[in-house]
Amino acid sequence: MRAIDGSRTRGLSARISMETVLLVALLGAGLSQAATEEAKPVPAVQKEAAKADAPKSDTPKVEAGKAETVKKEVQGPALSAPREMFELLEQRKRMLDKREATLRGSETHLLELKAELEQIVTRHEQAVEAEKKRRQAAQAKGGNEPAKANTSAKAAPAVNLNQAQLAKIYETMPPEEAAARLERMPERKALEVLRLLKGKSAGAILAEVKPDRAARLTEQLLTSP
């Protein structure tokens, strides 16, 4: 009986030992397979998912680049427009300065011409006055002249009165209007009128006459008595 129990006990122990070995072997195989699975590469589906998620990390950089480009495009015309406006204003200013310088030169020339004409007319007035005094002195000496001379002497005051009135009219007239009247007169008549005027008035009127006609009148004032 004891021999039978001993054999049974040994058989059970052997069976338990066998099962233990099998369990250990299976456990080792499972751990090895798990390690192998972990070492395997990521499946294609996971790679695609990773690729799909990858651009999201670069999105801020792309958006920042686009924003910088738009900013440059917006700032480009905004910065160049004031520069172009400034250049146009500078060009306009140079043109105005040049025109102003030309006008000043013309004004200076007219003032010089006016002063010269005033001097000419003044000298002419002095010569006319001296000639008038000389004639008056000659007439005073020749008291026994013929009746014709007396008649001429009587008519002279009336002529002088008319000339004085004419001179007064032109001297009180605006220089532009007087110059316009002289423009329509023959040069001989215009010279007679200018000789009747004071130097300042004659110079102001001649300054408003056309340059070519004013030059001719000035030349004739110098050459003719």
Protein backbone atom coordinates (compact mmCIF):
# COMPACT_ATOMS: atom_id res chain seq x y z
CA MET A 1 0.00 0.00 0.00
CA ARG A 2 2.80 2.35 0.93
CA ALA A 3 4.60 1.38 -2.22
CA ILE A 4 1.58 2.34 -4.25
CA ASP A 5 1.28 5.71 -2.48
CA GLY A 6 4.97 6.39 -3.04
CA SER A 7 4.70 5.73 -6.73
CA ARG A 8 1.66 7.94 -7.00
CA THR A 9 3.41 10.69 -5.12
CA ARG A 10 6.43 10.48 -7.38
CA GLY A 11 4.22 10.52 -10.48
CA LEU A 12 2.34 13.58 -9.23
CA SER A 13 5.58 15.36 -8.44
CA ALA A 14 6.94 14.57 -11.88
CA ARG A 15 3.76 15.87 -13.46
CA ILE A 16 3.89 19.08 -11.42
CA SER A 17 7.50 19.56 -12.39
CA MET A 18 6.65 19.05 -16.06
CA GLU A 19 3.79 21.56 -15.90
CA THR A 20 6.02 24.04 -14.11
CA VAL A 21 8.63 23.73 -16.86
CA LEU A 22 5.95 24.23 -19.51
CA LEU A 23 4.59 27.34 -17.73
CA VAL A 24 8.05 28.81 -17.44
CA ALA A 25 8.68 28.09 -21.11
CA LEU A 26 5.38 29.67 -22.13
CA LEU A 27 6.01 32.71 -19.95
CA GLY A 28 9.45 33.17 -21.47
CA ALA A 29 8.03 32.87 -24.96
CA GLY A 30 5.37 35.49 -24.17
CA LEU A 31 7.90 37.95 -22.83
CA SER A 32 10.11 37.43 -25.88
CA GLN A 33 7.20 38.03 -28.24
CA ALA A 34 6.23 41.20 -26.37
CA ALA A 35 9.76 42.49 -26.66
CA THR A 36 9.76 41.67 -30.36
CA GLU A 37 6.47 43.52 -30.88
CA GLU A 38 7.85 46.59 -29.14
CA ALA A 39 10.93 46.51 -31.34
CA LYS A 40 8.92 46.34 -34.57
CA PRO A 41 8.67 49.61 -36.68
CA VAL A 42 5.60 51.81 -36.45
CA PRO A 43 2.87 50.66 -38.81
CA ALA A 44 2.13 52.65 -41.97
CA VAL A 45 -1.15 53.89 -40.54
CA GLN A 46 0.61 55.35 -37.55
CA LYS A 47 3.25 56.89 -39.82
CA GLU A 48 0.54 58.59 -41.87
CA ALA A 49 -1.07 59.85 -38.70
CA ALA A 50 2.29 61.21 -37.59
CA LYS A 51 2.78 62.87 -40.96
CA ALA A 52 -0.68 64.39 -40.74
CA ASP A 53 0.15 65.77 -37.32
CA ALA A 54 3.65 66.95 -38.29
CA PRO A 55 2.66 70.04 -40.39
CA LYS A 56 0.65 71.30 -37.47
CA SER A 57 3.87 72.02 -35.62
CA ASP A 58 5.18 74.03 -38.62
CA THR A 59 1.92 75.92 -39.16
CA PRO A 60 2.93 78.93 -37.00
CA LYS A 61 6.15 79.34 -39.02
CA VAL A 62 4.26 79.23 -42.33
CA GLU A 63 1.64 81.66 -41.08
CA ALA A 64 4.36 83.95 -39.75
CA GLY A 65 6.09 83.90 -43.15
CA LYS A 66 2.86 84.78 -44.93
CA ALA A 67 2.17 87.58 -42.47
CA GLU A 68 5.67 88.98 -43.00
CA THR A 69 5.20 88.90 -46.80
CA VAL A 70 1.86 90.69 -46.56
CA LYS A 71 3.40 93.22 -44.20
CA LYS A 72 6.21 93.95 -46.66
CA GLU A 73 3.77 94.27 -49.54
CA VAL A 74 1.64 96.69 -47.53
CA GLN A 75 4.58 98.70 -46.25
CA GLY A 76 6.26 98.91 -49.67
CA PRO A 77 3.86 101.37 -51.36
CA ALA A 78 3.20 103.10 -48.05
CA LEU A 79 6.89 103.93 -47.68
CA SER A 80 7.54 104.73 -51.34
CA ALA A 81 4.50 107.01 -51.75
CA PRO A 82 5.74 109.69 -49.28
CA ARG A 83 9.16 109.59 -50.93
CA GLU A 84 7.62 110.23 -54.36
CA MET A 85 5.47 113.02 -52.93
CA PHE A 86 8.55 114.58 -51.36
CA GLU A 87 10.44 114.44 -54.67
CA LEU A 88 7.51 116.05 -56.50
CA LEU A 89 7.32 118.81 -53.91
CA GLU A 90 11.05 119.41 -54.17
CA GLN A 91 10.82 119.62 -57.96
CA ARG A 92 7.89 122.03 -57.69
CA LYS A 93 9.81 124.16 -55.20
CA ARG A 94 12.84 124.35 -57.53
CA MET A 95 10.59 125.44 -60.40
CA LEU A 96 8.97 128.14 -58.27
CA ASP A 97 12.36 129.36 -57.02
CA LYS A 98 13.63 129.57 -60.59
CA ARG A 99 10.54 131.46 -61.71
CA GLU A 100 10.82 133.81 -58.76
CA ALA A 101 14.47 134.50 -59.58
CA THR A 102 13.52 135.27 -63.20
CA LEU A 103 10.78 137.65 -62.08
CA ARG A 104 13.14 139.39 -59.70
CA GLY A 105 15.66 139.82 -62.48
CA SER A 106 13.00 141.29 -64.77
CA GLU A 107 11.78 143.59 -62.00
CA THR A 108 15.32 144.79 -61.33
CA HIS A 109 15.85 145.45 -65.03
CA LEU A 110 12.60 147.42 -65.24
CA LEU A 111 13.55 149.49 -62.20
CA GLU A 112 16.93 150.27 -63.73
CA LEU A 113 15.29 151.21 -67.02
CA LYS A 114 12.77 153.37 -65.19
CA ALA A 115 15.52 155.21 -63.29
CA GLU A 116 17.48 155.74 -66.50
CA LEU A 117 14.42 157.11 -68.29
CA GLU A 118 13.66 159.44 -65.40
CA GLN A 119 17.17 160.84 -65.63
CA ILE A 120 16.84 161.28 -69.38
CA VAL A 121 13.51 163.05 -69.12
CA THR A 122 14.82 165.24 -66.28
CA ARG A 123 17.79 166.33 -68.35
CA HIS A 124 15.47 167.00 -71.27
CA GLU A 125 13.19 169.11 -69.09
CA GLN A 126 16.16 171.10 -67.91
CA ALA A 127 17.27 171.69 -71.50
CA VAL A 128 13.75 172.75 -72.52
CA GLU A 129 13.52 175.11 -69.56
CA ALA A 130 16.89 176.64 -70.40
CA GLU A 131 15.84 177.09 -74.02
CA LYS A 132 12.58 178.70 -72.90
CA LYS A 133 14.42 181.20 -70.72
CA ARG A 134 16.81 182.00 -73.51
CA ARG A 135 13.94 182.73 -75.89
CA GLN A 136 12.20 184.87 -73.31
CA ALA A 137 15.37 186.85 -72.84
CA ALA A 138 15.75 187.27 -76.59
CA GLN A 139 12.16 188.42 -76.92
CA ALA A 140 12.63 190.92 -74.11
CA LYS A 141 15.57 192.43 -75.91
CA GLY A 142 13.83 192.61 -79.30
CA GLY A 143 10.82 194.73 -78.30
CA ASN A 144 10.56 196.34 -81.75
CA GLU A 145 9.96 193.11 -83.65
CA PRO A 146 7.29 192.95 -86.35
CA ALA A 147 3.64 192.41 -85.50
CA LYS A 148 3.89 188.80 -86.61
CA ALA A 149 6.33 188.08 -83.86
CA ASN A 150 3.99 189.74 -81.37
CA THR A 151 1.13 187.57 -82.58
CA SER A 152 3.24 184.46 -82.17
CA ALA A 153 4.24 185.56 -78.70
CA LYS A 154 0.59 186.04 -77.76
CA ALA A 155 -0.35 182.62 -79.10
CA ALA A 156 2.46 180.92 -77.19
CA PRO A 157 0.82 181.17 -73.74
CA ALA A 158 -2.32 179.47 -75.04
CA VAL A 159 -0.24 176.63 -76.46
CA ASN A 160 1.71 176.31 -73.24
CA LEU A 161 -1.56 176.21 -71.29
CA ASN A 162 -2.88 173.35 -73.40
CA GLN A 163 0.39 171.45 -73.02
CA ALA A 164 0.32 171.93 -69.26
CA GLN A 165 -3.22 170.62 -69.08
CA LEU A 166 -2.28 167.63 -71.22
CA ALA A 167 0.74 166.91 -69.04
CA LYS A 168 -1.40 167.10 -65.92
CA ILE A 169 -3.90 164.65 -67.41
CA TYR A 170 -1.20 162.10 -68.20
CA GLU A 171 0.52 162.55 -64.86
CA THR A 172 -2.67 161.85 -62.91
CA MET A 173 -3.59 158.93 -65.14
CA PRO A 174 -2.58 155.38 -64.07
CA PRO A 175 0.71 154.41 -65.78
CA GLU A 176 -0.90 151.37 -67.42
CA GLU A 177 -3.64 153.44 -69.03
CA ALA A 178 -1.23 156.17 -70.13
CA ALA A 179 1.07 153.54 -71.65
CA ALA A 180 -1.87 152.02 -73.54
CA ARG A 181 -2.68 155.45 -75.01
CA LEU A 182 0.92 156.01 -76.04
CA GLU A 183 0.94 152.59 -77.71
CA ARG A 184 -1.86 153.77 -80.03
CA MET A 185 -0.15 157.09 -80.88
CA PRO A 186 2.47 157.68 -83.56
CA GLU A 187 5.92 157.77 -82.07
CA ARG A 188 6.32 161.48 -82.82
CA LYS A 189 3.20 162.36 -80.81
CA ALA A 190 4.20 159.99 -78.04
CA LEU A 191 7.56 161.76 -77.80
CA GLU A 192 5.84 165.13 -77.54
CA VAL A 193 3.67 163.88 -74.70
CA LEU A 194 6.63 162.36 -72.86
CA ARG A 195 8.56 165.62 -73.11
CA LEU A 196 5.68 167.41 -71.40
CA LEU A 197 5.70 165.09 -68.40
CA LYS A 198 7.84 165.13 -65.31
CA GLY A 199 10.67 162.65 -65.17
CA LYS A 200 9.05 160.38 -62.59
CA SER A 201 5.73 160.21 -64.43
CA ALA A 202 7.39 159.64 -67.81
CA GLY A 203 9.53 156.84 -66.38
CA ALA A 204 6.53 155.09 -64.81
CA ILE A 205 4.61 155.25 -68.10
CA LEU A 206 7.53 154.02 -70.21
CA ALA A 207 7.99 151.10 -67.81
CA GLU A 208 4.52 149.90 -68.87
CA VAL A 209 5.15 150.34 -72.61
CA LYS A 210 6.26 147.34 -74.67
CA PRO A 211 10.05 146.91 -74.43
CA ASP A 212 10.80 147.42 -78.14
CA ARG A 213 8.69 150.57 -78.41
CA ALA A 214 10.05 151.89 -75.11
CA ALA A 215 13.59 151.40 -76.43
CA ARG A 216 12.80 153.36 -79.61
CA LEU A 217 11.17 156.20 -77.68
CA THR A 218 14.14 156.36 -75.32
CA GLU A 219 16.56 156.52 -78.23
CA GLN A 220 14.59 159.32 -79.87
CA LEU A 221 14.43 161.24 -76.59
CA LEU A 222 18.22 161.12 -76.47
CA THR A 223 18.85 162.07 -80.10
CA SER A 224 16.14 164.66 -80.79
CA PRO A 225 15.75 167.97 -78.89
